[in-house]
Amino acid sequence: MSSQDETPENSENSETSQSPEAAQSPETPKGPDAPEASENRLRKELPEEVRAEGNAEAPDAGAEPRKPVLTGRQRLAKGLWPPRVSRAQFIVALLLFGLGFGLAVQVASNSDSDGALRGARQEDLVRILDELDDRTQRLEEEKQGLEDQRTELENSSDQAEEARKQTVEKEKQLAILAGTVAAQGPGITLTIEDQKGTVEADMLLDAIQELRAAGAEAIQVNGVRVVAGTYLTDVSGGVAVDGNKISAPYRFKVIGKPQDLEPALNIPGGVVQTLEKEQATVTVERSDKIIVDALRPAKRPDYARSSSQ
């Protein structure tokens, strides 16, 4: 049978028998319109090519991200923060901080005292030097007295009797210091008027300490004997001395050398100036006879015993 006699059905089968690639690929135009069709196709594909070219530098989804390049300042900041401190370094830093704080406090306290002396008048400085000389002389006299007692004991024909005499004298002195007996002698009377209630226990304690440093041998405050174990506390409406409440005016009766006691209270930045800053009125009177008659009961120690045989 000739090819002209093929049925339409055979014709359809011949068309479908073409390869899939030929069926899917677009038909390339031919003739004078072919360049325009090719240019149109390039224009359509150009955005895709540009996008692909722009994304060429972007990393693939499966690849590791590239680390950014850091500047020197950024690397330094990254190395310093967050800090990586070990336990030993932390302890050392803490110790250095405590040492620095202590040195700062010491320098500040020294600066305050130096500033007080630097701003003092010439007569005040002379008075401070005189007070220091008097304290030195007092200590020398006490040292000489002890050496004389030792010499008397060594040279006495009856050393036992001499020892008893010195023991009795020493007992009297210790009784005065302990407050178990009354005492009299030259000294001063210190009166503190506190109208506004600004005087506190630590200010009175500073006055007692300054008087002791100046050679006070017996002190009485508003009828309360001051001894080695005396303590002061703030209470409502006044101050308590060894648990005994006292109120203003505070009157100190002090036995000692007046020429040493009064200047010790009036040194620049001392007791009198501190109290006057608190708007308190302070008066100091010298006297040839001060009586300290407030007594403390003799207390027998519970545990301490003499170690001498």
Protein backbone atom coordinates (compact mmCIF):
# COMPACT_ATOMS: atom_id res chain seq x y z
CA MET A 1 0.00 0.00 0.00
CA SER A 2 1.35 3.43 -0.87
CA SER A 3 2.07 6.21 1.59
CA GLN A 4 -0.77 8.29 0.22
CA ASP A 5 -3.21 5.71 1.38
CA GLU A 6 -2.21 6.03 5.06
CA THR A 7 -5.06 6.64 7.34
CA PRO A 8 -5.22 9.61 9.74
CA GLU A 9 -4.83 7.17 12.56
CA ASN A 10 -1.42 6.10 11.25
CA SER A 11 -0.47 9.71 10.85
CA GLU A 12 -1.17 10.42 14.51
CA ASN A 13 0.87 7.41 15.51
CA SER A 14 3.79 8.63 13.49
CA GLU A 15 3.67 12.02 15.24
CA THR A 16 3.53 10.53 18.67
CA SER A 17 6.41 8.23 17.87
CA GLN A 18 8.82 11.17 17.94
CA SER A 19 11.32 11.42 20.77
CA PRO A 20 10.28 13.17 23.98
CA GLU A 21 13.12 15.66 23.63
CA ALA A 22 11.81 16.74 20.28
CA ALA A 23 8.33 17.11 21.65
CA GLN A 24 9.43 19.17 24.67
CA SER A 25 11.98 21.45 23.00
CA PRO A 26 10.48 24.56 21.46
CA GLU A 27 10.58 24.85 17.77
CA THR A 28 13.38 27.13 16.63
CA PRO A 29 12.05 29.79 14.39
CA LYS A 30 13.43 30.11 10.99
CA GLY A 31 13.36 32.90 8.48
CA PRO A 32 13.73 36.68 8.84
CA ASP A 33 12.04 36.75 12.29
CA ALA A 34 14.60 34.41 13.86
CA PRO A 35 16.98 37.10 15.31
CA GLU A 36 14.13 38.92 17.06
CA ALA A 37 12.91 35.73 18.64
CA SER A 38 16.43 34.91 19.83
CA GLU A 39 16.87 38.42 21.33
CA ASN A 40 13.56 38.14 23.14
CA ARG A 41 14.62 34.83 24.58
CA LEU A 42 17.91 36.39 25.86
CA ARG A 43 16.06 39.29 27.46
CA LYS A 44 13.84 36.89 29.33
CA GLU A 45 16.81 34.88 30.58
CA LEU A 46 18.98 37.89 31.45
CA PRO A 47 17.42 38.64 34.89
CA GLU A 48 17.94 35.05 35.89
CA GLU A 49 21.56 35.21 34.82
CA VAL A 50 22.09 38.45 36.74
CA ARG A 51 20.56 36.99 39.84
CA ALA A 52 22.68 33.92 39.55
CA GLU A 53 25.78 36.06 39.06
CA GLY A 54 24.91 38.22 42.10
CA ASN A 55 24.43 35.18 44.28
CA ALA A 56 27.64 33.56 43.16
CA GLU A 57 29.51 34.94 46.17
CA ALA A 58 26.82 33.81 48.66
CA PRO A 59 27.71 30.59 50.44
CA ASP A 60 25.77 27.46 49.75
CA ALA A 61 23.14 26.39 52.23
CA GLY A 62 25.10 23.28 53.14
CA ALA A 63 28.51 25.00 53.42
CA GLU A 64 29.90 26.48 56.67
CA PRO A 65 29.44 30.28 57.05
CA ARG A 66 32.56 32.29 56.45
CA LYS A 67 33.89 34.02 59.61
CA PRO A 68 33.97 37.81 59.40
CA VAL A 69 37.37 39.49 59.46
CA LEU A 70 37.86 41.41 62.79
CA THR A 71 39.87 44.56 63.23
CA GLY A 72 42.60 44.88 65.87
CA ARG A 73 40.33 46.86 68.21
CA GLN A 74 37.55 44.31 67.88
CA ARG A 75 39.96 41.44 68.64
CA LEU A 76 41.21 43.32 71.72
CA ALA A 77 37.67 43.94 72.95
CA LYS A 78 36.76 40.30 72.34
CA GLY A 79 39.81 39.17 74.33
CA LEU A 80 38.99 41.43 77.27
CA TRP A 81 35.24 40.81 77.49
CA PRO A 82 33.73 38.64 78.77
CA PRO A 83 36.58 38.25 81.29
CA ARG A 84 37.95 34.81 81.89
CA VAL A 85 39.05 34.80 85.55
CA SER A 86 40.28 31.75 87.38
CA ARG A 87 39.77 31.19 91.09
CA ALA A 88 43.39 32.02 91.91
CA GLN A 89 43.21 35.27 89.95
CA PHE A 90 40.00 36.22 91.72
CA ILE A 91 41.58 35.66 95.16
CA VAL A 92 44.64 37.70 94.21
CA ALA A 93 42.44 40.53 92.92
CA LEU A 94 40.42 40.48 96.13
CA LEU A 95 43.57 40.68 98.26
CA LEU A 96 44.93 43.54 96.16
CA PHE A 97 41.64 45.39 96.52
CA GLY A 98 41.73 45.02 100.31
CA LEU A 99 45.34 46.19 100.41
CA GLY A 100 44.57 49.21 98.27
CA PHE A 101 41.55 50.13 100.36
CA GLY A 102 43.60 49.94 103.58
CA LEU A 103 46.32 52.12 102.10
CA ALA A 104 43.75 54.66 100.95
CA VAL A 105 42.20 54.86 104.42
CA GLN A 106 45.65 55.23 106.02
CA VAL A 107 46.64 58.00 103.62
CA ALA A 108 43.34 59.80 104.22
CA SER A 109 43.72 59.66 108.01
CA ASN A 110 47.32 60.88 107.79
CA SER A 111 46.24 63.69 105.50
CA ASP A 112 43.56 64.79 107.98
CA SER A 113 45.99 64.92 110.90
CA ASP A 114 48.66 66.62 108.78
CA GLY A 115 46.12 69.16 107.60
CA ALA A 116 45.12 69.95 111.18
CA LEU A 117 48.74 70.56 112.18
CA ARG A 118 49.52 72.44 108.96
CA GLY A 119 46.72 74.90 109.63
CA ALA A 120 47.58 75.37 113.31
CA ARG A 121 48.98 78.61 114.63
CA GLN A 122 52.53 78.93 115.86
CA GLU A 123 51.51 79.13 119.51
CA ASP A 124 49.43 75.96 119.08
CA LEU A 125 52.39 74.09 117.64
CA VAL A 126 54.58 75.31 120.48
CA ARG A 127 52.00 74.09 122.97
CA ILE A 128 51.85 70.66 121.32
CA LEU A 129 55.63 70.37 121.49
CA ASP A 130 55.56 71.39 125.16
CA GLU A 131 52.97 68.71 125.86
CA LEU A 132 55.11 66.07 124.17
CA ASP A 133 58.11 67.18 126.19
CA ASP A 134 56.06 66.97 129.39
CA ARG A 135 54.94 63.44 128.56
CA THR A 136 58.51 62.42 127.88
CA GLN A 137 59.62 63.93 131.16
CA ARG A 138 56.83 62.12 133.01
CA LEU A 139 57.88 58.80 131.59
CA GLU A 140 61.50 59.49 132.49
CA GLU A 141 60.50 60.32 136.08
CA GLU A 142 58.48 57.11 136.32
CA LYS A 143 61.41 55.13 134.97
CA GLN A 144 63.75 56.80 137.45
CA GLY A 145 61.37 56.04 140.33
CA LEU A 146 61.29 52.36 139.45
CA GLU A 147 65.07 52.26 139.23
CA ASP A 148 65.33 53.93 142.65
CA GLN A 149 63.03 51.30 144.16
CA ARG A 150 65.16 48.55 142.74
CA THR A 151 68.30 50.18 144.12
CA GLU A 152 66.75 50.52 147.58
CA LEU A 153 65.79 46.89 147.57
CA GLU A 154 69.24 45.81 146.53
CA ASN A 155 71.09 48.05 149.03
CA SER A 156 68.75 47.82 152.03
CA SER A 157 70.04 45.85 155.01
CA ASP A 158 66.53 44.64 155.70
CA GLN A 159 65.24 43.86 152.25
CA ALA A 160 62.10 42.19 153.56
CA GLU A 161 61.01 45.33 155.44
CA GLU A 162 61.79 47.55 152.51
CA ALA A 163 59.81 45.26 150.25
CA ARG A 164 56.82 45.47 152.60
CA LYS A 165 56.96 49.28 152.63
CA GLN A 166 57.04 49.43 148.85
CA THR A 167 54.24 46.92 148.66
CA VAL A 168 52.01 49.04 150.91
CA GLU A 169 52.76 52.12 148.83
CA LYS A 170 52.08 50.25 145.64
CA GLU A 171 48.80 48.97 147.07
CA LYS A 172 47.64 52.52 147.74
CA GLN A 173 48.48 53.55 144.21
CA LEU A 174 46.65 50.59 142.74
CA ALA A 175 43.64 51.27 144.97
CA ILE A 176 43.41 54.78 143.55
CA LEU A 177 43.65 53.47 140.01
CA ALA A 178 41.04 50.81 140.75
CA GLY A 179 38.72 53.41 142.28
CA THR A 180 38.29 51.61 145.59
CA VAL A 181 39.57 54.55 147.68
CA ALA A 182 39.04 58.31 147.47
CA ALA A 183 41.78 60.56 146.15
CA GLN A 184 42.67 64.23 146.21
CA GLY A 185 45.29 66.41 144.61
CA PRO A 186 45.84 69.11 141.99
CA GLY A 187 43.99 68.84 138.72
CA ILE A 188 41.24 70.34 136.58
CA THR A 189 37.47 70.44 136.31
CA LEU A 190 36.09 69.93 132.79
CA THR A 191 32.47 71.01 132.26
CA ILE A 192 30.56 70.27 129.03
CA GLU A 193 27.23 72.06 128.49
CA ASP A 194 25.08 70.29 125.89
CA GLN A 195 21.94 72.33 125.26
CA LYS A 196 21.06 70.67 121.94
CA GLY A 197 21.84 67.09 122.94
CA THR A 198 24.52 66.58 120.28
CA VAL A 199 27.24 65.20 122.57
CA GLU A 200 27.55 61.44 122.28
CA ALA A 201 29.33 58.73 124.22
CA ASP A 202 32.30 58.48 121.86
CA MET A 203 33.07 62.19 122.39
CA LEU A 204 33.19 61.75 126.15
CA LEU A 205 35.32 58.65 125.70
CA ASP A 206 37.78 60.67 123.60
CA ALA A 207 38.01 63.19 126.43
CA ILE A 208 38.77 60.42 128.95
CA GLN A 209 41.42 58.88 126.70
CA GLU A 210 43.07 62.26 126.13
CA LEU A 211 43.15 62.95 129.87
CA ARG A 212 44.68 59.55 130.58
CA ALA A 213 47.32 60.14 127.92
CA ALA A 214 48.13 63.48 129.57
CA GLY A 215 48.77 61.82 132.93
CA ALA A 216 45.40 61.82 134.70
CA GLU A 217 45.57 59.58 137.78
CA ALA A 218 41.93 59.71 138.91
CA ILE A 219 38.79 60.69 136.96
CA GLN A 220 35.19 61.09 138.05
CA VAL A 221 32.28 61.94 135.71
CA ASN A 222 28.99 63.11 137.30
CA GLY A 223 29.51 60.95 140.37
CA VAL A 224 30.76 57.85 138.52
CA ARG A 225 34.37 56.77 139.01
CA VAL A 226 36.25 56.06 135.80
CA VAL A 227 38.56 53.03 135.94
CA ALA A 228 40.45 50.91 133.43
CA GLY A 229 37.39 48.86 132.47
CA THR A 230 34.95 51.77 132.15
CA TYR A 231 32.70 51.80 129.09
CA LEU A 232 30.30 54.45 127.74
CA THR A 233 27.12 53.96 125.72
CA ASP A 234 24.49 56.24 124.24
CA VAL A 235 21.09 56.13 125.92
CA SER A 236 17.92 58.15 125.58
CA GLY A 237 18.45 61.61 127.03
CA GLY A 238 22.15 61.22 127.84
CA VAL A 239 25.05 58.83 128.19
CA ALA A 240 25.55 55.75 130.37
CA VAL A 241 28.89 55.24 132.16
CA ASP A 242 29.31 51.61 133.19
CA GLY A 243 25.53 51.26 132.98
CA ASN A 244 24.85 54.39 135.10
CA LYS A 245 22.91 57.01 133.17
CA ILE A 246 24.23 60.58 133.36
CA SER A 247 22.97 63.70 131.61
CA ALA A 248 24.30 67.11 130.68
CA PRO A 249 26.06 69.08 131.95
CA TYR A 250 28.89 66.56 132.04
CA ARG A 251 31.40 67.44 134.76
CA PHE A 252 34.79 65.74 134.87
CA LYS A 253 36.90 65.92 138.03
CA VAL A 254 40.44 65.00 137.10
CA ILE A 255 43.52 64.66 139.33
CA GLY A 256 46.85 65.21 137.64
CA LYS A 257 49.25 67.92 136.63
CA PRO A 258 47.10 70.86 135.45
CA GLN A 259 49.87 72.16 133.18
CA ASP A 260 49.63 68.90 131.21
CA LEU A 261 45.90 68.22 131.37
CA GLU A 262 44.53 71.52 130.09
CA PRO A 263 46.77 71.85 126.99
CA ALA A 264 45.98 68.25 126.03
CA LEU A 265 42.29 69.16 125.73
CA ASN A 266 42.92 72.36 123.77
CA ILE A 267 45.22 71.07 121.04
CA PRO A 268 44.06 71.85 117.46
CA GLY A 269 41.49 69.30 116.38
CA GLY A 270 41.33 67.96 119.95
CA VAL A 271 38.53 67.43 122.43
CA VAL A 272 37.49 71.05 122.93
CA GLN A 273 37.33 71.91 119.23
CA THR A 274 35.40 68.72 118.44
CA LEU A 275 32.80 69.47 121.12
CA GLU A 276 32.50 73.10 120.06
CA LYS A 277 31.78 71.97 116.49
CA GLU A 278 28.80 70.12 117.96
CA GLN A 279 27.66 73.44 119.48
CA ALA A 280 28.56 72.38 123.00
CA THR A 281 30.09 74.77 125.54
CA VAL A 282 33.34 73.60 127.16
CA THR A 283 35.08 75.16 130.16
CA VAL A 284 38.31 74.02 131.84
CA GLU A 285 39.29 75.22 135.32
CA ARG A 286 42.55 74.49 137.08
CA SER A 287 42.62 73.82 140.81
CA ASP A 288 45.19 72.99 143.45
CA LYS A 289 42.83 70.57 145.15
CA ILE A 290 40.45 68.25 143.37
CA ILE A 291 38.57 65.62 145.37
CA VAL A 292 37.53 62.42 143.63
CA ASP A 293 35.35 60.60 146.13
CA ALA A 294 33.20 58.32 143.93
CA LEU A 295 34.14 54.73 144.77
CA ARG A 296 33.95 51.42 142.99
CA PRO A 297 33.43 48.22 144.97
CA ALA A 298 36.46 45.96 145.14
CA LYS A 299 35.69 42.92 143.05
CA ARG A 300 37.48 39.69 143.69
CA PRO A 301 38.41 37.98 140.45
CA ASP A 302 36.71 34.66 139.85
CA TYR A 303 39.56 32.93 138.08
CA ALA A 304 42.72 35.05 138.18
CA ARG A 305 45.12 34.36 141.06
CA SER A 306 48.52 35.76 141.91
CA SER A 307 51.35 33.80 140.39
CA SER A 308 53.89 34.87 143.05
CA GLN A 309 54.74 32.28 145.73
